[in-house]
PDB file of N, CA and C in Angstrom:
ATOM      1  N   MET A   1     146.742 151.311 126.792  1.00  0.00           N
ATOM      2  CA  MET A   1     146.891 149.950 126.890  1.00  0.00           C
ATOM      3  C   MET A   1     148.872 150.025 126.588  1.00  0.00           C
ATOM      4  N   PRO A   2     149.426 149.811 127.490  1.00  0.00           N
ATOM      5  CA  PRO A   2     150.761 149.636 127.226  1.00  0.00           C
ATOM      6  C   PRO A   2     151.281 148.920 126.091  1.00  0.00           C
ATOM      7  N   LYS A   3     152.444 149.156 125.324  1.00  0.00           N
ATOM      8  CA  LYS A   3     152.582 147.662 124.255  1.00  0.00           C
ATOM      9  C   LYS A   3     154.295 147.291 124.637  1.00  0.00           C
ATOM     10  N   PHE A   4     153.853 146.423 124.517  1.00  0.00           N
ATOM     11  CA  PHE A   4     155.293 145.509 124.655  1.00  0.00           C
ATOM     12  C   PHE A   4     155.781 144.582 123.842  1.00  0.00           C
ATOM     13  N   LEU A   5     156.814 145.064 123.659  1.00  0.00           N
ATOM     14  CA  LEU A   5     157.723 144.233 122.529  1.00  0.00           C
ATOM     15  C   LEU A   5     158.808 142.799 123.022  1.00  0.00           C
ATOM     16  N   LEU A   6     158.183 141.892 122.103  1.00  0.00           N
ATOM     17  CA  LEU A   6     158.622 140.399 122.182  1.00  0.00           C
ATOM     18  C   LEU A   6     159.840 140.256 121.248  1.00  0.00           C
ATOM     19  N   VAL A   7     161.104 139.769 122.021  1.00  0.00           N
ATOM     20  CA  VAL A   7     161.990 139.613 120.867  1.00  0.00           C
ATOM     21  C   VAL A   7     162.227 137.821 121.182  1.00  0.00           C
ATOM     22  N   TYR A   8     162.406 137.627 120.339  1.00  0.00           N
ATOM     23  CA  TYR A   8     162.357 135.961 119.819  1.00  0.00           C
ATOM     24  C   TYR A   8     164.114 135.546 120.033  1.00  0.00           C
ATOM     25  N   HIS A   9     164.484 134.686 120.558  1.00  0.00           N
ATOM     26  CA  HIS A   9     165.997 134.164 120.154  1.00  0.00           C
ATOM     27  C   HIS A   9     165.731 132.641 120.424  1.00  0.00           C
ATOM     28  N   GLY A  10     166.386 132.294 119.160  1.00  0.00           N
ATOM     29  CA  GLY A  10     166.429 130.330 119.213  1.00  0.00           C
ATOM     30  C   GLY A  10     165.653 129.905 118.270  1.00  0.00           C
ATOM     31  N   GLY A  11     164.848 129.122 118.553  1.00  0.00           N
ATOM     32  CA  GLY A  11     163.972 128.340 117.280  1.00  0.00           C
ATOM     33  C   GLY A  11     164.769 127.468 116.197  1.00  0.00           C
ATOM     34  N   THR A  12     163.898 126.819 115.649  1.00  0.00           N
ATOM     35  CA  THR A  12     165.111 125.720 114.646  1.00  0.00           C
ATOM     36  C   THR A  12     163.994 126.087 113.461  1.00  0.00           C
ATOM     37  N   PRO A  13     164.938 126.250 112.303  1.00  0.00           N
ATOM     38  CA  PRO A  13     164.325 126.485 110.864  1.00  0.00           C
ATOM     39  C   PRO A  13     163.250 125.394 110.260  1.00  0.00           C
ATOM     40  N   PRO A  14     162.316 125.016 109.752  1.00  0.00           N
ATOM     41  CA  PRO A  14     161.791 124.076 109.536  1.00  0.00           C
ATOM     42  C   PRO A  14     163.125 123.106 108.142  1.00  0.00           C
ATOM     43  N   GLU A  15     162.531 121.904 108.302  1.00  0.00           N
ATOM     44  CA  GLU A  15     163.632 121.246 107.343  1.00  0.00           C
ATOM     45  C   GLU A  15     162.758 120.604 105.966  1.00  0.00           C
ATOM     46  N   THR A  16     161.886 120.923 106.503  1.00  0.00           N
ATOM     47  CA  THR A  16     160.610 120.304 105.081  1.00  0.00           C
ATOM     48  C   THR A  16     159.691 121.229 105.148  1.00  0.00           C
ATOM     49  N   PRO A  17     159.094 121.389 103.579  1.00  0.00           N
ATOM     50  CA  PRO A  17     157.958 122.399 103.575  1.00  0.00           C
ATOM     51  C   PRO A  17     156.645 121.887 104.719  1.00  0.00           C
ATOM     52  N   GLU A  18     156.842 120.823 104.621  1.00  0.00           N
ATOM     53  CA  GLU A  18     155.200 120.116 105.391  1.00  0.00           C
ATOM     54  C   GLU A  18     155.514 120.749 106.907  1.00  0.00           C
ATOM     55  N   GLU A  19     156.892 120.767 107.421  1.00  0.00           N
ATOM     56  CA  GLU A  19     157.092 120.916 108.644  1.00  0.00           C
ATOM     57  C   GLU A  19     157.158 122.424 108.637  1.00  0.00           C
ATOM     58  N   GLY A  20     157.602 123.362 108.090  1.00  0.00           N
ATOM     59  CA  GLY A  20     157.422 124.544 107.766  1.00  0.00           C
ATOM     60  C   GLY A  20     155.605 124.970 108.036  1.00  0.00           C
ATOM     61  N   GLU A  21     154.890 124.549 107.257  1.00  0.00           N
ATOM     62  CA  GLU A  21     153.466 124.848 107.251  1.00  0.00           C
ATOM     63  C   GLU A  21     152.840 124.365 108.660  1.00  0.00           C
ATOM     64  N   LYS A  22     153.609 123.212 109.254  1.00  0.00           N
ATOM     65  CA  LYS A  22     152.934 122.962 110.860  1.00  0.00           C
ATOM     66  C   LYS A  22     153.411 124.136 111.763  1.00  0.00           C
ATOM     67  N   VAL A  23     155.025 124.786 111.669  1.00  0.00           N
ATOM     68  CA  VAL A  23     155.145 125.668 112.265  1.00  0.00           C
ATOM     69  C   VAL A  23     154.530 126.954 111.997  1.00  0.00           C
ATOM     70  N   MET A  24     154.030 127.212 111.227  1.00  0.00           N
ATOM     71  CA  MET A  24     153.415 128.284 110.627  1.00  0.00           C
ATOM     72  C   MET A  24     152.249 128.152 111.721  1.00  0.00           C
ATOM     73  N   ALA A  25     151.530 127.176 111.280  1.00  0.00           N
ATOM     74  CA  ALA A  25     149.773 127.202 111.646  1.00  0.00           C
ATOM     75  C   ALA A  25     150.095 127.391 113.315  1.00  0.00           C
ATOM     76  N   ALA A  26     151.249 127.256 114.065  1.00  0.00           N
ATOM     77  CA  ALA A  26     151.454 126.992 115.697  1.00  0.00           C
ATOM     78  C   ALA A  26     151.662 128.049 115.946  1.00  0.00           C
ATOM     79  N   TRP A  27     152.129 129.219 115.251  1.00  0.00           N
ATOM     80  CA  TRP A  27     152.354 130.736 115.280  1.00  0.00           C
ATOM     81  C   TRP A  27     151.054 131.387 115.215  1.00  0.00           C
ATOM     82  N   MET A  28     150.256 131.068 113.875  1.00  0.00           N
ATOM     83  CA  MET A  28     149.107 131.283 113.687  1.00  0.00           C
ATOM     84  C   MET A  28     147.897 131.417 114.774  1.00  0.00           C
ATOM     85  N   ALA A  29     148.191 130.089 115.693  1.00  0.00           N
ATOM     86  CA  ALA A  29     147.281 129.912 116.145  1.00  0.00           C
ATOM     87  C   ALA A  29     147.290 130.204 117.465  1.00  0.00           C
ATOM     88  N   TRP A  30     148.980 130.665 117.881  1.00  0.00           N
ATOM     89  CA  TRP A  30     149.336 131.598 118.879  1.00  0.00           C
ATOM     90  C   TRP A  30     148.525 133.036 118.791  1.00  0.00           C
ATOM     91  N   PHE A  31     149.035 133.718 117.690  1.00  0.00           N
ATOM     92  CA  PHE A  31     148.804 135.268 117.607  1.00  0.00           C
ATOM     93  C   PHE A  31     147.108 135.067 117.685  1.00  0.00           C
ATOM     94  N   SER A  32     146.353 134.064 117.033  1.00  0.00           N
ATOM     95  CA  SER A  32     144.928 134.134 117.233  1.00  0.00           C
ATOM     96  C   SER A  32     144.031 133.866 118.587  1.00  0.00           C
ATOM     97  N   ASP A  33     144.778 133.668 119.449  1.00  0.00           N
ATOM     98  CA  ASP A  33     144.620 133.091 120.627  1.00  0.00           C
ATOM     99  C   ASP A  33     144.891 134.159 121.780  1.00  0.00           C
ATOM    100  N   MET A  34     145.544 135.037 121.020  1.00  0.00           N
ATOM    101  CA  MET A  34     146.291 136.743 121.743  1.00  0.00           C
ATOM    102  C   MET A  34     145.214 137.584 121.694  1.00  0.00           C
ATOM    103  N   GLY A  35     144.126 136.990 119.894  1.00  0.00           N
ATOM    104  CA  GLY A  35     143.375 138.339 119.644  1.00  0.00           C
ATOM    105  C   GLY A  35     144.386 139.909 119.437  1.00  0.00           C
ATOM    106  N   ALA A  36     143.108 140.716 119.969  1.00  0.00           N
ATOM    107  CA  ALA A  36     143.252 141.881 119.749  1.00  0.00           C
ATOM    108  C   ALA A  36     144.591 142.377 120.575  1.00  0.00           C
ATOM    109  N   ALA A  37     145.198 141.352 121.540  1.00  0.00           N
ATOM    110  CA  ALA A  37     146.512 141.756 121.753  1.00  0.00           C
ATOM    111  C   ALA A  37     147.866 142.516 120.637  1.00  0.00           C
ATOM    112  N   VAL A  38     147.759 141.511 119.522  1.00  0.00           N
ATOM    113  CA  VAL A  38     148.424 141.311 118.626  1.00  0.00           C
ATOM    114  C   VAL A  38     148.633 143.177 118.218  1.00  0.00           C
ATOM    115  N   ILE A  39     149.548 143.694 118.204  1.00  0.00           N
ATOM    116  CA  ILE A  39     149.949 144.797 117.376  1.00  0.00           C
ATOM    117  C   ILE A  39     150.497 144.830 116.147  1.00  0.00           C
ATOM    118  N   ASP A  40     151.422 143.810 116.010  1.00  0.00           N
ATOM    119  CA  ASP A  40     152.489 143.780 115.178  1.00  0.00           C
ATOM    120  C   ASP A  40     152.989 142.492 115.308  1.00  0.00           C
ATOM    121  N   GLY A  41     152.855 141.894 114.409  1.00  0.00           N
ATOM    122  CA  GLY A  41     153.089 139.816 114.386  1.00  0.00           C
ATOM    123  C   GLY A  41     154.472 140.076 114.430  1.00  0.00           C
ATOM    124  N   GLY A  42     154.885 140.943 113.664  1.00  0.00           N
ATOM    125  CA  GLY A  42     156.515 140.814 113.492  1.00  0.00           C
ATOM    126  C   GLY A  42     156.740 140.062 112.351  1.00  0.00           C
ATOM    127  N   ASN A  43     157.991 140.056 112.386  1.00  0.00           N
ATOM    128  CA  ASN A  43     158.640 138.775 111.302  1.00  0.00           C
ATOM    129  C   ASN A  43     159.973 138.396 112.096  1.00  0.00           C
ATOM    130  N   PRO A  44     160.320 137.343 111.394  1.00  0.00           N
ATOM    131  CA  PRO A  44     162.062 136.539 111.729  1.00  0.00           C
ATOM    132  C   PRO A  44     162.984 137.544 111.190  1.00  0.00           C
ATOM    133  N   VAL A  45     164.151 137.603 111.762  1.00  0.00           N
ATOM    134  CA  VAL A  45     165.258 138.168 111.157  1.00  0.00           C
ATOM    135  C   VAL A  45     166.119 137.582 110.795  1.00  0.00           C
ATOM    136  N   MET A  46     167.749 138.403 110.296  1.00  0.00           N
ATOM    137  CA  MET A  46     168.626 137.726 109.642  1.00  0.00           C
ATOM    138  C   MET A  46     169.726 137.527 110.422  1.00  0.00           C
ATOM    139  N   MET A  47     170.569 137.133 110.495  1.00  0.00           N
ATOM    140  CA  MET A  47     171.796 137.458 111.383  1.00  0.00           C
ATOM    141  C   MET A  47     172.004 138.761 111.921  1.00  0.00           C
ATOM    142  N   SER A  48     172.610 138.486 113.251  1.00  0.00           N
ATOM    143  CA  SER A  48     172.434 140.551 113.502  1.00  0.00           C
ATOM    144  C   SER A  48     173.933 140.699 113.785  1.00  0.00           C
ATOM    145  N   LYS A  49     174.820 141.967 114.002  1.00  0.00           N
ATOM    146  CA  LYS A  49     176.065 142.419 114.516  1.00  0.00           C
ATOM    147  C   LYS A  49     175.510 143.113 115.577  1.00  0.00           C
ATOM    148  N   THR A  50     176.902 143.034 116.547  1.00  0.00           N
ATOM    149  CA  THR A  50     176.633 144.232 117.613  1.00  0.00           C
ATOM    150  C   THR A  50     177.436 145.563 117.310  1.00  0.00           C
ATOM    151  N   VAL A  51     176.945 146.579 117.164  1.00  0.00           N
ATOM    152  CA  VAL A  51     177.682 147.949 116.887  1.00  0.00           C
ATOM    153  C   VAL A  51     178.063 148.294 118.136  1.00  0.00           C
ATOM    154  N   SER A  52     179.336 148.614 119.143  1.00  0.00           N
ATOM    155  CA  SER A  52     179.332 149.311 119.910  1.00  0.00           C
ATOM    156  C   SER A  52     180.498 150.468 119.738  1.00  0.00           C
ATOM    157  N   GLN A  53     181.275 151.087 120.898  1.00  0.00           N
ATOM    158  CA  GLN A  53     182.339 151.954 120.575  1.00  0.00           C
ATOM    159  C   GLN A  53     183.453 151.163 120.388  1.00  0.00           C
ATOM    160  N   ALA A  54     183.481 149.807 120.750  1.00  0.00           N
ATOM    161  CA  ALA A  54     184.430 149.068 120.305  1.00  0.00           C
ATOM    162  C   ALA A  54     184.562 148.937 118.736  1.00  0.00           C
ATOM    163  N   GLY A  55     183.571 148.569 117.895  1.00  0.00           N
ATOM    164  CA  GLY A  55     183.142 148.747 116.615  1.00  0.00           C
ATOM    165  C   GLY A  55     182.265 147.604 116.438  1.00  0.00           C
ATOM    166  N   VAL A  56     182.551 147.004 115.352  1.00  0.00           N
ATOM    167  CA  VAL A  56     181.432 145.649 115.037  1.00  0.00           C
ATOM    168  C   VAL A  56     181.947 144.401 115.364  1.00  0.00           C
ATOM    169  N   GLN A  57     180.946 143.998 116.064  1.00  0.00           N
ATOM    170  CA  GLN A  57     181.326 142.469 117.018  1.00  0.00           C
ATOM    171  C   GLN A  57     180.389 141.400 115.968  1.00  0.00           C
ATOM    172  N   GLY A  58     181.477 140.056 115.239  1.00  0.00           N
ATOM    173  CA  GLY A  58     180.594 139.099 115.000  1.00  0.00           C
ATOM    174  C   GLY A  58     179.511 138.672 114.626  1.00  0.00           C
ATOM    175  N   ASP A  59     179.103 137.801 114.369  1.00  0.00           N
ATOM    176  CA  ASP A  59     177.461 137.780 113.736  1.00  0.00           C
ATOM    177  C   ASP A  59     176.942 136.768 114.718  1.00  0.00           C
ATOM    178  N   GLY A  60     175.808 137.584 115.273  1.00  0.00           N
ATOM    179  CA  GLY A  60     174.640 136.885 116.159  1.00  0.00           C
ATOM    180  C   GLY A  60     174.907 137.336 117.549  1.00  0.00           C
ATOM    181  N   GLY A  61     175.924 137.342 117.997  1.00  0.00           N
ATOM    182  CA  GLY A  61     176.496 137.827 119.166  1.00  0.00           C
ATOM    183  C   GLY A  61     175.837 136.512 120.268  1.00  0.00           C
ATOM    184  N   ALA A  62     176.285 136.729 121.393  1.00  0.00           N
ATOM    185  CA  ALA A  62     175.599 135.400 122.758  1.00  0.00           C
ATOM    186  C   ALA A  62     174.564 135.071 122.581  1.00  0.00           C
ATOM    187  N   ASN A  63     173.705 135.740 122.225  1.00  0.00           N
ATOM    188  CA  ASN A  63     171.921 135.194 122.403  1.00  0.00           C
ATOM    189  C   ASN A  63     171.332 135.838 121.156  1.00  0.00           C
ATOM    190  N   PRO A  64     171.844 135.395 120.105  1.00  0.00           N
ATOM    191  CA  PRO A  64     170.802 136.216 118.626  1.00  0.00           C
ATOM    192  C   PRO A  64     169.328 136.098 119.104  1.00  0.00           C
ATOM    193  N   VAL A  65     169.080 137.640 118.057  1.00  0.00           N
ATOM    194  CA  VAL A  65     167.640 137.706 118.020  1.00  0.00           C
ATOM    195  C   VAL A  65     167.279 137.098 116.685  1.00  0.00           C
ATOM    196  N   SER A  66     166.141 136.230 117.018  1.00  0.00           N
ATOM    197  CA  SER A  66     165.431 135.373 115.873  1.00  0.00           C
ATOM    198  C   SER A  66     164.002 135.969 114.904  1.00  0.00           C
ATOM    199  N   GLY A  67     163.551 136.884 116.154  1.00  0.00           N
ATOM    200  CA  GLY A  67     162.501 137.641 115.670  1.00  0.00           C
ATOM    201  C   GLY A  67     161.789 138.700 116.635  1.00  0.00           C
ATOM    202  N   TYR A  68     160.820 139.335 116.016  1.00  0.00           N
ATOM    203  CA  TYR A  68     159.845 140.333 116.702  1.00  0.00           C
ATOM    204  C   TYR A  68     158.654 140.068 116.793  1.00  0.00           C
ATOM    205  N   SER A  69     157.999 140.456 117.881  1.00  0.00           N
ATOM    206  CA  SER A  69     156.202 141.201 117.773  1.00  0.00           C
ATOM    207  C   SER A  69     156.338 142.521 118.766  1.00  0.00           C
ATOM    208  N   ILE A  70     155.004 142.707 118.694  1.00  0.00           N
ATOM    209  CA  ILE A  70     154.504 143.963 119.527  1.00  0.00           C
ATOM    210  C   ILE A  70     153.197 143.378 119.698  1.00  0.00           C
ATOM    211  N   ILE A  71     153.324 143.440 121.136  1.00  0.00           N
ATOM    212  CA  ILE A  71     151.466 143.376 121.791  1.00  0.00           C
ATOM    213  C   ILE A  71     151.033 144.102 122.751  1.00  0.00           C
ATOM    214  N   ALA A  72     149.750 144.676 123.269  1.00  0.00           N
ATOM    215  CA  ALA A  72     149.590 145.292 124.035  1.00  0.00           C
ATOM    216  C   ALA A  72     149.063 144.403 125.239  1.00  0.00           C
ATOM    217  N   ALA A  73     149.298 144.693 126.180  1.00  0.00           N
ATOM    218  CA  ALA A  73     148.771 144.085 127.602  1.00  0.00           C
ATOM    219  C   ALA A  73     148.774 145.272 128.840  1.00  0.00           C
ATOM    220  N   ASP A  74     148.089 144.810 129.660  1.00  0.00           N
ATOM    221  CA  ASP A  74     148.028 145.770 130.765  1.00  0.00           C
ATOM    222  C   ASP A  74     149.108 146.321 131.906  1.00  0.00           C
ATOM    223  N   THR A  75     150.262 144.995 132.059  1.00  0.00           N
ATOM    224  CA  THR A  75     151.304 144.669 132.673  1.00  0.00           C
ATOM    225  C   THR A  75     152.681 144.110 131.833  1.00  0.00           C
ATOM    226  N   ILE A  76     153.620 144.246 132.231  1.00  0.00           N
ATOM    227  CA  ILE A  76     154.575 143.214 131.896  1.00  0.00           C
ATOM    228  C   ILE A  76     154.099 141.681 132.484  1.00  0.00           C
ATOM    229  N   ASP A  77     153.804 141.591 133.624  1.00  0.00           N
ATOM    230  CA  ASP A  77     153.224 140.117 133.701  1.00  0.00           C
ATOM    231  C   ASP A  77     152.384 139.835 133.201  1.00  0.00           C
ATOM    232  N   ALA A  78     151.044 140.321 132.734  1.00  0.00           N
ATOM    233  CA  ALA A  78     150.385 140.063 131.833  1.00  0.00           C
ATOM    234  C   ALA A  78     150.961 139.651 130.382  1.00  0.00           C
ATOM    235  N   ALA A  79     152.068 140.200 129.935  1.00  0.00           N
ATOM    236  CA  ALA A  79     152.509 140.242 128.668  1.00  0.00           C
ATOM    237  C   ALA A  79     153.561 138.809 128.656  1.00  0.00           C
ATOM    238  N   CYS A  80     154.128 138.958 130.118  1.00  0.00           N
ATOM    239  CA  CYS A  80     155.013 137.965 130.254  1.00  0.00           C
ATOM    240  C   CYS A  80     154.127 136.386 129.885  1.00  0.00           C
ATOM    241  N   ASP A  81     152.732 136.452 130.354  1.00  0.00           N
ATOM    242  CA  ASP A  81     151.694 135.243 130.365  1.00  0.00           C
ATOM    243  C   ASP A  81     151.603 134.996 128.899  1.00  0.00           C
ATOM    244  N   LEU A  82     150.991 136.343 128.137  1.00  0.00           N
ATOM    245  CA  LEU A  82     150.696 135.867 126.894  1.00  0.00           C
ATOM    246  C   LEU A  82     151.855 135.195 126.218  1.00  0.00           C
ATOM    247  N   ALA A  83     153.227 135.848 126.158  1.00  0.00           N
ATOM    248  CA  ALA A  83     154.367 135.094 125.405  1.00  0.00           C
ATOM    249  C   ALA A  83     154.814 133.579 125.966  1.00  0.00           C
ATOM    250  N   LYS A  84     154.100 133.152 127.068  1.00  0.00           N
ATOM    251  CA  LYS A  84     154.526 131.719 127.547  1.00  0.00           C
ATOM    252  C   LYS A  84     153.777 131.149 126.199  1.00  0.00           C
ATOM    253  N   GLY A  85     152.727 131.099 125.868  1.00  0.00           N
ATOM    254  CA  GLY A  85     152.300 130.470 124.861  1.00  0.00           C
ATOM    255  C   GLY A  85     153.138 130.153 123.284  1.00  0.00           C
ATOM    256  N   CYS A  86     154.360 131.106 123.393  1.00  0.00           N
ATOM    257  CA  CYS A  86     155.172 131.183 121.983  1.00  0.00           C
ATOM    258  C   CYS A  86     155.132 129.805 121.665  1.00  0.00           C
ATOM    259  N   PRO A  87     155.408 129.130 120.313  1.00  0.00           N
ATOM    260  CA  PRO A  87     155.478 127.956 120.084  1.00  0.00           C
ATOM    261  C   PRO A  87     156.938 127.839 120.674  1.00  0.00           C
ATOM    262  N   MET A  88     157.725 128.755 120.204  1.00  0.00           N
ATOM    263  CA  MET A  88     159.785 128.442 120.652  1.00  0.00           C
ATOM    264  C   MET A  88     159.591 128.003 122.229  1.00  0.00           C
ATOM    265  N   VAL A  89     158.865 128.906 123.075  1.00  0.00           N
ATOM    266  CA  VAL A  89     158.696 128.301 124.391  1.00  0.00           C
ATOM    267  C   VAL A  89     157.981 127.273 124.681  1.00  0.00           C
ATOM    268  N   LEU A  90     156.926 126.942 124.107  1.00  0.00           N
ATOM    269  CA  LEU A  90     156.100 125.490 124.132  1.00  0.00           C
ATOM    270  C   LEU A  90     157.447 123.986 123.764  1.00  0.00           C
ATOM    271  N   ASP A  91     157.751 124.433 122.609  1.00  0.00           N
ATOM    272  CA  ASP A  91     158.537 123.303 122.087  1.00  0.00           C
ATOM    273  C   ASP A  91     160.031 123.345 123.285  1.00  0.00           C
ATOM    274  N   GLY A  92     160.281 124.304 123.628  1.00  0.00           N
ATOM    275  CA  GLY A  92     161.801 123.995 123.908  1.00  0.00           C
ATOM    276  C   GLY A  92     163.040 124.864 123.145  1.00  0.00           C
ATOM    277  N   SER A  93     162.673 124.846 121.993  1.00  0.00           N
ATOM    278  CA  SER A  93     163.914 125.539 121.171  1.00  0.00           C
ATOM    279  C   SER A  93     164.391 127.178 121.172  1.00  0.00           C
ATOM    280  N   GLY A  94     163.309 128.033 122.196  1.00  0.00           N
ATOM    281  CA  GLY A  94     163.611 129.263 121.949  1.00  0.00           C
ATOM    282  C   GLY A  94     163.165 129.764 123.285  1.00  0.00           C
ATOM    283  N   SER A  95     163.179 130.972 123.141  1.00  0.00           N
ATOM    284  CA  SER A  95     163.094 131.884 124.407  1.00  0.00           C
ATOM    285  C   SER A  95     162.612 133.339 123.962  1.00  0.00           C
ATOM    286  N   VAL A  96     161.576 134.173 125.143  1.00  0.00           N
ATOM    287  CA  VAL A  96     161.167 135.234 124.444  1.00  0.00           C
ATOM    288  C   VAL A  96     161.412 136.467 125.471  1.00  0.00           C
ATOM    289  N   GLU A  97     161.743 137.574 125.124  1.00  0.00           N
ATOM    290  CA  GLU A  97     162.829 138.166 125.985  1.00  0.00           C
ATOM    291  C   GLU A  97     160.888 139.489 125.860  1.00  0.00           C
ATOM    292  N   VAL A  98     160.540 140.259 127.080  1.00  0.00           N
ATOM    293  CA  VAL A  98     159.455 141.011 126.936  1.00  0.00           C
ATOM    294  C   VAL A  98     159.878 142.089 127.667  1.00  0.00           C
ATOM    295  N   ALA A  99     159.921 143.298 126.946  1.00  0.00           N
ATOM    296  CA  ALA A  99     160.276 144.564 127.258  1.00  0.00           C
ATOM    297  C   ALA A  99     158.949 145.535 126.790  1.00  0.00           C
ATOM    298  N   GLU A 100     158.820 146.525 127.928  1.00  0.00           N
ATOM    299  CA  GLU A 100     157.573 147.703 127.734  1.00  0.00           C
ATOM    300  C   GLU A 100     158.347 148.384 126.784  1.00  0.00           C
ATOM    301  N   ILE A 101     157.582 149.000 125.934  1.00  0.00           N
ATOM    302  CA  ILE A 101     157.895 149.945 124.874  1.00  0.00           C
ATOM    303  C   ILE A 101     157.449 151.181 125.405  1.00  0.00           C
ATOM    304  N   HIS A 102     158.564 151.903 125.903  1.00  0.00           N
ATOM    305  CA  HIS A 102     158.527 153.523 126.504  1.00  0.00           C
ATOM    306  C   HIS A 102     158.243 154.715 125.389  1.00  0.00           C
ATOM    307  N   GLU A 103     156.708 155.202 125.193  1.00  0.00           N
ATOM    308  CA  GLU A 103     156.332 155.956 124.491  1.00  0.00           C
ATOM    309  C   GLU A 103     156.878 156.997 124.569  1.00  0.00           C
ATOM    310  N   MET A 104     157.216 157.780 123.373  1.00  0.00           N
ATOM    311  CA  MET A 104     157.954 159.692 123.928  1.00  0.00           C
ATOM    312  C   MET A 104     157.235 160.413 123.273  1.00  0.00           C
TER     313      MET A 104
END
């Protein structure tokens, strides 16, 4: 079955421990709903930099990455349907980029 990289953009850090617990519960519920499709739940990431032939460009870029996961799905459309359940998508605080992983 094909694997897909979910790249998270945006989101808002929780302001209190209670809010953090609520956010984590929402993510765990989403992962649970996806079941065996979740290959690697991934992690949040820290500030990024873009490296190109022109050099290293500032913090974050135009659409900074905030985390990633790897899932399995029959098609990219099926993977996108799963991504629609992401807590950041549902609350409007972020988006998910979906890309098929090309096995070499």
